[in-house]
Protein backbone atom coordinates (compact mmCIF):
# COMPACT_ATOMS: atom_id res chain seq x y z
CA MET A 1 -73.27 -4.67 -1.62
CA GLU A 2 -70.20 -6.45 -0.92
CA ASN A 3 -67.79 -7.24 -3.91
CA THR A 4 -64.62 -9.08 -3.58
CA ILE A 5 -61.82 -9.47 -6.08
CA GLU A 6 -58.45 -11.28 -5.89
CA ILE A 7 -55.26 -9.28 -6.56
CA SER A 8 -51.69 -10.11 -6.62
CA ASP A 9 -49.70 -9.78 -3.23
CA ASP A 10 -47.60 -7.01 -4.78
CA LEU A 11 -50.77 -4.87 -5.78
CA SER A 12 -52.07 -5.52 -2.18
CA ARG A 13 -48.78 -4.43 -0.79
CA ARG A 14 -48.82 -1.34 -2.89
CA ILE A 15 -52.38 -0.34 -2.02
CA ASP A 16 -51.60 -0.91 1.63
CA MET A 17 -48.60 1.32 1.35
CA LEU A 18 -50.54 4.00 -0.34
CA ALA A 19 -53.43 3.87 2.16
CA SER A 20 -50.82 4.29 4.96
CA ARG A 21 -49.35 7.38 3.30
CA SER A 22 -52.60 9.05 2.56
CA THR A 23 -56.03 9.64 4.01
CA LEU A 24 -57.70 7.15 1.78
CA THR A 25 -58.77 3.65 2.62
CA ARG A 26 -57.97 0.45 0.44
CA GLU A 27 -61.45 0.57 -0.85
CA GLN A 28 -61.35 4.28 -1.79
CA ILE A 29 -58.05 3.73 -3.64
CA ILE A 30 -59.48 0.88 -5.71
CA GLU A 31 -62.81 2.77 -6.42
CA ASP A 32 -60.73 5.73 -7.53
CA ALA A 33 -58.72 3.70 -9.83
CA LEU A 34 -61.94 1.98 -11.24
CA ALA A 35 -64.31 4.92 -11.35
CA HIS A 36 -61.80 7.64 -12.51
CA GLY A 37 -59.04 5.70 -14.38
CA ARG A 38 -56.46 6.80 -11.86
CA SER A 39 -53.77 3.83 -11.87
CA LEU A 40 -52.00 2.80 -8.80
CA ALA A 41 -48.86 4.17 -10.24
CA TRP A 42 -50.62 7.60 -10.73
CA GLN A 43 -51.99 7.56 -7.33
CA GLU A 44 -48.47 6.75 -5.86
CA LYS A 45 -46.85 9.55 -7.70
CA TRP A 46 -49.64 12.02 -6.69
CA VAL A 47 -49.17 11.11 -2.97
CA ALA A 48 -45.39 11.38 -3.30
CA GLY A 49 -45.66 14.80 -4.87
CA VAL A 50 -47.97 16.02 -2.15
CA GLN A 51 -45.71 14.67 0.59
CA GLN A 52 -42.59 16.25 -1.21
CA GLY A 53 -44.58 19.64 -1.30
CA LEU A 54 -45.34 19.33 2.43
CA ASP A 55 -41.75 18.35 3.34
CA GLU A 56 -40.57 21.41 1.49
CA ALA A 57 -42.94 23.69 3.09
CA GLY A 58 -41.89 22.33 6.43
CA ARG A 59 -38.40 23.35 5.66
CA GLY A 60 -39.63 26.83 4.71
CA GLU A 61 -38.84 26.31 1.08
CA PHE A 62 -41.40 28.41 -0.86
CA ALA A 63 -41.24 30.12 -4.22
CA SER A 64 -39.82 33.48 -4.01
CA ASP A 65 -41.63 36.59 -5.25
CA GLU A 66 -39.40 36.76 -8.21
CA GLU A 67 -40.05 32.98 -9.21
CA ILE A 68 -43.98 33.84 -8.82
CA ALA A 69 -43.53 36.96 -11.13
CA ALA A 70 -41.66 34.98 -13.56
CA VAL A 71 -44.31 32.35 -14.02
CA LEU A 72 -47.14 34.91 -14.07
CA ASN A 73 -45.24 36.74 -16.71
CA LYS A 74 -44.71 33.71 -18.78
CA TYR A 75 -48.24 32.25 -18.65
CA GLY A 76 -50.16 35.59 -17.82
CA GLU A 77 -52.38 36.29 -14.86
CA ALA A 78 -55.60 34.25 -14.76
């Protein structure tokens, strides 16, 4: 079943940008927003966070053993 909606040029540009930065298609991004309530802003922030983590990992920036121990001690081991 084919559905069509009209969206603003700004939203269309943001969806295209998000699709180019992730593995999702335009349709998947819109469906995720509608089905799960994940706004475009939320999705943009999530993709940016993932990219930041990948960039840090690429530079070899990982949590130290001491940092991991501090978090485990603070919140307890699961």
